[in-house]
Amino acid sequence: MNRILLIDDDTGLSELLTQLLELEGFEVHQAFDGAQGLAKATQADYDLILLDVMLPKLSGFEVLKGIRQQKQTPVLMLTARGDEIDRVIGLEIGADDYLPKPFNDRELIARIRAILRRATIRDNSQIAETSNNDTLQLGDLRLDPARQEAYCNEQLIILTATEFSLLFNLVSRAGELVTKESLSESVLGKKLMPFDRSLDMHLSNLRKKLPERQDARARVKTLRGKGYIWIP
């Protein structure tokens, strides 16, 4: 049973979400302010964290920063509808995805299941591209899809499940144009929507974490409005 930590100061909404998630087979733990949420998130293991942006004591952004300093637990941020800056900041800090309030129950469950598939590799579509769960080697990069670990010059790179999934999709199709539409569905588990910058932000985070190549060439090329090409 997947364990979810719900951090939201709206007690009424938290109770409703807890009932919904428990009906879907999840084990739910609650926190009602940022300080309590950060303590629970870092002191115990969860499969996913639902994190509201607006929280007392510590904001959702501060909680996310604290989590990312210690753990790579998948985080789905709950943001105010239409507040684009909150979504961008959340993704920059390391959120796996965001969902604007108010949201549809089915949409929430779908997003949660998509993130959990990436984190636990229950969707084996990526692994099928390698034989017997072999690692994927390209230049100075080595990717282990079974463990969801990435190495550059044999040094482990700490990535979120979403960042690893994005990296694996690009590296396994090196030299090809990978469209944003296909990446959104395979990596984020959702159709690409107009003005959705999620992929761009995840790629930006990925670029920051990967060391420069010895030949000083860019690792990935962005074709505006189309997608990305990983440079072999």
Protein backbone atom coordinates (compact mmCIF):
# COMPACT_ATOMS: atom_id res chain seq x y z
CA MET A 1 0.00 0.00 0.00
CA ASN A 2 1.42 3.37 -1.03
CA ARG A 3 1.93 5.87 1.81
CA ILE A 4 0.97 9.49 1.08
CA LEU A 5 1.70 12.52 3.24
CA LEU A 6 -0.87 15.30 2.79
CA ILE A 7 0.34 18.73 3.96
CA ASP A 8 -2.52 21.26 3.90
CA ASP A 9 -3.84 23.64 6.56
CA ASP A 10 -7.43 23.36 5.28
CA THR A 11 -8.67 20.69 7.68
CA GLY A 12 -11.99 20.26 5.89
CA LEU A 13 -10.34 19.69 2.51
CA SER A 14 -7.72 17.44 4.10
CA GLU A 15 -10.40 15.18 5.55
CA LEU A 16 -12.21 14.96 2.22
CA LEU A 17 -8.97 14.20 0.36
CA THR A 18 -8.00 11.61 2.95
CA GLN A 19 -11.32 9.82 2.51
CA LEU A 20 -10.93 9.92 -1.28
CA LEU A 21 -7.37 8.62 -1.21
CA GLU A 22 -8.16 5.87 1.29
CA LEU A 23 -11.02 4.70 -0.93
CA GLU A 24 -8.44 4.47 -3.74
CA GLY A 25 -6.27 2.20 -1.59
CA PHE A 26 -3.70 4.67 -0.26
CA GLU A 27 -2.50 5.03 3.32
CA VAL A 28 -2.74 8.73 4.17
CA HIS A 29 -0.93 10.73 6.85
CA GLN A 30 -1.73 14.39 7.51
CA ALA A 31 0.11 17.55 8.53
CA PHE A 32 -1.59 20.93 8.96
CA ASP A 33 1.30 23.40 8.84
CA GLY A 34 4.65 23.68 7.11
CA ALA A 35 6.83 22.92 10.13
CA GLN A 36 4.89 19.79 11.01
CA GLY A 37 4.85 18.73 7.37
CA LEU A 38 8.60 19.11 6.94
CA ALA A 39 9.27 17.16 10.12
CA LYS A 40 7.05 14.27 9.02
CA ALA A 41 8.39 14.30 5.45
CA THR A 42 12.01 14.04 6.56
CA GLN A 43 11.60 11.74 9.55
CA ALA A 44 9.50 9.05 7.87
CA ASP A 45 9.33 7.43 4.44
CA TYR A 46 6.46 8.18 2.09
CA ASP A 47 5.81 7.20 -1.51
CA LEU A 48 4.44 10.64 -2.39
CA ILE A 49 3.83 14.01 -0.74
CA LEU A 50 0.85 16.24 -1.54
CA LEU A 51 1.99 19.75 -0.63
CA ASP A 52 -0.07 22.93 -0.55
CA VAL A 53 1.77 26.17 -1.37
CA MET A 54 0.02 28.39 1.20
CA LEU A 55 0.83 27.06 4.68
CA PRO A 56 1.33 28.59 8.14
CA LYS A 57 4.76 28.54 9.88
CA LEU A 58 6.63 27.45 6.73
CA SER A 59 5.42 27.99 3.16
CA GLY A 60 5.09 25.09 0.77
CA PHE A 61 8.22 26.32 -1.03
CA GLU A 62 10.24 26.28 2.20
CA VAL A 63 8.96 22.79 2.97
CA LEU A 64 9.92 21.57 -0.50
CA LYS A 65 13.42 23.05 -0.19
CA GLY A 66 13.84 21.29 3.15
CA ILE A 67 12.65 17.99 1.72
CA ARG A 68 14.96 18.20 -1.29
CA GLN A 69 17.97 18.79 0.96
CA GLN A 70 17.43 15.34 2.42
CA LYS A 71 15.15 13.26 0.20
CA GLN A 72 13.95 12.81 -3.37
CA THR A 73 10.43 11.74 -2.39
CA PRO A 74 8.01 12.62 -5.23
CA VAL A 75 6.09 15.84 -4.50
CA LEU A 76 2.85 16.98 -6.11
CA MET A 77 2.24 20.65 -5.30
CA LEU A 78 -1.25 22.08 -4.93
CA THR A 79 -1.32 25.66 -6.23
CA ALA A 80 -3.87 28.44 -6.63
CA ARG A 81 -5.58 28.35 -10.01
CA GLY A 82 -4.06 30.84 -12.42
CA ASP A 83 -1.00 31.54 -10.25
CA GLU A 84 1.65 30.65 -12.81
CA ILE A 85 4.55 31.95 -10.71
CA ASP A 86 3.81 29.44 -7.94
CA ARG A 87 3.97 26.59 -10.42
CA VAL A 88 7.25 27.78 -11.91
CA ILE A 89 8.87 28.26 -8.50
CA GLY A 90 7.68 24.85 -7.34
CA LEU A 91 9.12 23.12 -10.39
CA GLU A 92 12.39 25.05 -10.07
CA ILE A 93 12.77 23.90 -6.47
CA GLY A 94 12.13 20.29 -7.41
CA ALA A 95 8.41 19.48 -7.42
CA ASP A 96 7.50 16.57 -9.68
CA ASP A 97 4.22 18.10 -10.80
CA TYR A 98 1.56 20.61 -9.76
CA LEU A 99 -2.22 20.71 -9.70
CA PRO A 100 -4.23 23.95 -9.50
CA LYS A 101 -7.03 24.26 -6.94
CA PRO A 102 -9.89 23.58 -7.19
CA PHE A 103 -9.24 20.29 -8.96
CA ASN A 104 -11.22 17.32 -10.14
CA ASP A 105 -10.93 14.22 -7.95
CA ARG A 106 -10.21 11.99 -10.95
CA GLU A 107 -7.50 14.34 -12.15
CA LEU A 108 -5.81 14.23 -8.74
CA ILE A 109 -5.84 10.43 -8.64
CA ALA A 110 -4.53 10.24 -12.21
CA ARG A 111 -1.64 12.61 -11.41
CA ILE A 112 -0.77 10.66 -8.25
CA ARG A 113 -0.75 7.33 -10.06
CA ALA A 114 1.36 8.76 -12.89
CA ILE A 115 3.98 10.03 -10.43
CA LEU A 116 4.01 6.74 -8.53
CA ARG A 117 4.49 4.80 -11.76
CA ARG A 118 7.58 6.86 -12.50
CA ALA A 119 8.94 6.49 -8.97
CA THR A 120 8.43 2.73 -8.64
CA ILE A 121 8.99 1.80 -12.29
CA ARG A 122 5.74 -0.12 -12.45
CA ASP A 123 5.44 1.18 -15.98
CA ASN A 124 8.11 -0.91 -17.70
CA SER A 125 7.99 0.90 -21.03
CA GLN A 126 11.33 2.53 -20.36
CA ILE A 127 13.06 -0.62 -19.18
CA ALA A 128 11.91 -2.49 -22.29
CA GLU A 129 14.41 -0.47 -24.28
CA THR A 130 17.24 -2.19 -22.43
CA SER A 131 17.77 -5.95 -22.22
CA ASN A 132 17.56 -7.67 -18.85
CA ASN A 133 17.46 -4.32 -17.09
CA ASP A 134 20.96 -3.51 -18.43
CA THR A 135 22.33 -0.07 -17.91
CA LEU A 136 22.32 2.45 -20.74
CA GLN A 137 25.71 3.97 -21.54
CA LEU A 138 26.19 7.06 -23.71
CA GLY A 139 29.44 9.01 -23.55
CA ASP A 140 30.18 9.93 -19.94
CA LEU A 141 26.64 9.05 -18.81
CA ARG A 142 25.50 5.70 -17.44
CA LEU A 143 21.83 5.17 -16.60
CA ASP A 144 20.50 2.29 -14.53
CA PRO A 145 16.72 2.09 -15.13
CA ALA A 146 16.19 -0.70 -12.58
CA ARG A 147 17.54 1.48 -9.77
CA GLN A 148 16.67 4.79 -11.40
CA GLU A 149 20.24 5.96 -10.90
CA ALA A 150 22.30 8.19 -13.17
CA TYR A 151 26.09 8.46 -13.18
CA CYS A 152 28.36 10.92 -14.95
CA ASN A 153 32.00 9.82 -15.06
CA GLU A 154 30.95 7.21 -12.47
CA GLN A 155 29.77 9.90 -10.04
CA LEU A 156 26.17 9.49 -8.85
CA ILE A 157 23.86 12.36 -9.82
CA ILE A 158 20.96 12.92 -7.42
CA LEU A 159 17.79 13.15 -9.52
CA THR A 160 14.09 13.07 -8.80
CA ALA A 161 12.07 10.28 -10.42
CA THR A 162 10.72 12.80 -12.94
CA GLU A 163 14.20 14.07 -13.83
CA PHE A 164 15.49 10.53 -14.30
CA SER A 165 12.53 9.63 -16.50
CA LEU A 166 13.12 12.71 -18.65
CA LEU A 167 16.84 11.99 -18.91
CA PHE A 168 16.26 8.34 -19.81
CA ASN A 169 13.74 9.22 -22.51
CA LEU A 170 16.12 11.70 -24.12
CA VAL A 171 19.32 9.64 -23.85
CA SER A 172 17.67 6.46 -25.15
CA ARG A 173 16.71 8.42 -28.30
CA ALA A 174 19.93 10.41 -28.62
CA GLY A 175 20.25 12.30 -31.89
CA GLU A 176 16.48 12.23 -32.51
CA LEU A 177 13.90 14.96 -32.04
CA VAL A 178 11.73 13.98 -29.09
CA THR A 179 8.55 16.03 -29.16
CA LYS A 180 7.22 17.80 -26.10
CA GLU A 181 3.87 16.07 -26.64
CA SER A 182 5.40 12.59 -26.40
CA LEU A 183 7.56 13.55 -23.43
CA SER A 184 4.62 15.04 -21.56
CA GLU A 185 2.70 11.79 -21.89
CA SER A 186 5.60 9.41 -21.21
CA VAL A 187 7.33 11.43 -18.48
CA LEU A 188 4.56 13.43 -16.80
CA GLY A 189 1.66 11.12 -17.59
CA LYS A 190 -0.52 13.89 -19.01
CA LYS A 191 -1.29 15.55 -22.32
CA LEU A 192 0.68 18.68 -23.11
CA MET A 193 -1.42 21.76 -22.45
CA PRO A 194 -0.90 25.24 -23.93
CA PHE A 195 1.55 27.36 -21.90
CA ASP A 196 2.50 24.38 -19.69
CA ARG A 197 6.17 24.91 -18.79
CA SER A 198 6.60 21.78 -16.69
CA LEU A 199 8.92 20.01 -19.11
CA ASP A 200 11.03 23.13 -19.65
CA MET A 201 11.49 23.52 -15.90
CA HIS A 202 12.39 19.87 -15.35
CA LEU A 203 14.91 20.06 -18.19
CA SER A 204 16.36 23.26 -16.73
CA ASN A 205 16.85 21.50 -13.38
CA LEU A 206 18.41 18.54 -15.17
CA ARG A 207 20.87 20.77 -17.03
CA LYS A 208 21.98 22.33 -13.75
CA LYS A 209 22.69 18.94 -12.20
CA LEU A 210 24.65 17.44 -15.11
CA PRO A 211 28.36 18.35 -15.32
CA GLU A 212 29.63 19.98 -18.51
CA ARG A 213 30.88 17.69 -21.25
CA GLN A 214 34.63 17.51 -21.78
CA ASP A 215 34.19 18.79 -25.34
CA ALA A 216 32.17 21.76 -23.96
CA ARG A 217 29.22 20.95 -26.26
CA ALA A 218 25.67 21.26 -24.99
CA ARG A 219 24.10 17.98 -23.89
CA VAL A 220 20.64 18.80 -25.19
CA LYS A 221 19.31 21.12 -27.87
CA THR A 222 15.91 22.77 -27.58
CA LEU A 223 13.84 23.27 -30.71
CA ARG A 224 11.34 25.93 -29.73
CA GLY A 225 7.77 24.75 -30.04
CA LYS A 226 8.84 21.25 -31.07
CA GLY A 227 10.91 19.41 -28.51
CA TYR A 228 14.44 18.40 -27.62
CA ILE A 229 17.40 16.57 -29.13
CA TRP A 230 19.98 14.88 -26.91
CA ILE A 231 23.38 15.45 -28.50
CA PRO A 232 25.31 12.13 -28.72
